[in-house]
Amino acid sequence: MRKLIHLIFISVLLLLPLFADACPMCQGAASKDKVNAYLVTTGILGAMPITLGVLLFVWIRRAHKSKTD
């Protein structure tokens, strides 16, 4: 039974890309809305590490200031 579950899980993982509409770089197969969504998502994900770094810096700085005061 366990082998069957693993076989089904691996099969689903291998077949999952077949259901994808198109890759993000395939601009010809995508509609304008999908291209815009891809660009917005790329911008958000690109800004996320910088934002998290700044927030971490501010958090540590405030914690340090509160301990020294």
Protein backbone atom coordinates (compact mmCIF):
# COMPACT_ATOMS: atom_id res chain seq x y z
CA MET A 1 0.00 0.00 0.00
CA ARG A 2 2.83 2.36 0.86
CA LYS A 3 4.53 1.74 -2.49
CA LEU A 4 1.28 2.55 -4.27
CA ILE A 5 0.97 5.86 -2.43
CA HIS A 6 4.57 6.74 -3.28
CA LEU A 7 4.01 5.78 -6.92
CA ILE A 8 0.90 7.96 -7.14
CA PHE A 9 2.68 10.88 -5.45
CA ILE A 10 5.67 10.69 -7.78
CA SER A 11 3.40 10.32 -10.81
CA VAL A 12 1.44 13.42 -9.84
CA LEU A 13 4.68 15.38 -9.35
CA LEU A 14 5.97 14.29 -12.75
CA LEU A 15 2.70 15.04 -14.54
CA LEU A 16 2.08 18.40 -12.85
CA PRO A 17 4.05 20.48 -15.41
CA LEU A 18 1.76 19.19 -18.18
CA PHE A 19 -1.10 21.21 -16.70
CA ALA A 20 0.84 24.49 -16.70
CA ASP A 21 -0.32 27.06 -19.24
CA ALA A 22 3.11 28.16 -20.41
CA CYS A 23 6.45 29.08 -19.00
CA PRO A 24 6.87 32.73 -17.97
CA MET A 25 9.42 33.32 -20.72
CA CYS A 26 7.06 32.06 -23.42
CA GLN A 27 5.48 35.45 -24.14
CA GLY A 28 3.78 34.27 -27.31
CA ALA A 29 1.61 31.71 -25.54
CA ALA A 30 0.61 33.99 -22.68
CA SER A 31 -2.03 36.67 -22.60
CA LYS A 32 -1.22 40.26 -21.64
CA ASP A 33 -2.78 39.74 -18.20
CA LYS A 34 -0.50 36.77 -17.49
CA VAL A 35 2.58 38.69 -18.61
CA ASN A 36 1.62 41.60 -16.34
CA ALA A 37 0.96 39.25 -13.43
CA TYR A 38 4.36 37.64 -13.99
CA LEU A 39 6.11 41.02 -13.99
CA VAL A 40 4.30 42.22 -10.85
CA THR A 41 5.08 38.96 -9.05
CA THR A 42 8.73 39.21 -10.08
CA GLY A 43 8.88 42.76 -8.72
CA ILE A 44 7.30 41.77 -5.41
CA LEU A 45 9.56 38.75 -4.97
CA GLY A 46 12.60 40.82 -5.94
CA ALA A 47 11.81 43.49 -3.35
CA MET A 48 11.02 41.02 -0.58
CA PRO A 49 14.61 40.20 0.54
CA ILE A 50 15.53 43.90 0.68
CA THR A 51 12.40 44.71 2.65
CA LEU A 52 12.97 41.84 5.08
CA GLY A 53 16.59 42.90 5.54
CA VAL A 54 15.61 46.49 6.32
CA LEU A 55 12.90 45.34 8.74
CA LEU A 56 15.35 43.03 10.49
CA PHE A 57 17.87 45.86 10.79
CA VAL A 58 15.25 48.23 12.24
CA TRP A 59 14.04 45.56 14.66
CA ILE A 60 17.54 44.80 15.93
CA ARG A 61 18.36 48.52 16.20
CA ARG A 62 15.22 49.22 18.24
CA ALA A 63 15.92 46.26 20.51
CA HIS A 64 19.47 47.47 21.05
CA LYS A 65 18.34 51.04 21.78
CA SER A 66 15.73 49.87 24.29
CA LYS A 67 18.36 47.84 26.18
CA THR A 68 20.78 50.77 26.33
CA ASP A 69 18.15 53.27 27.56
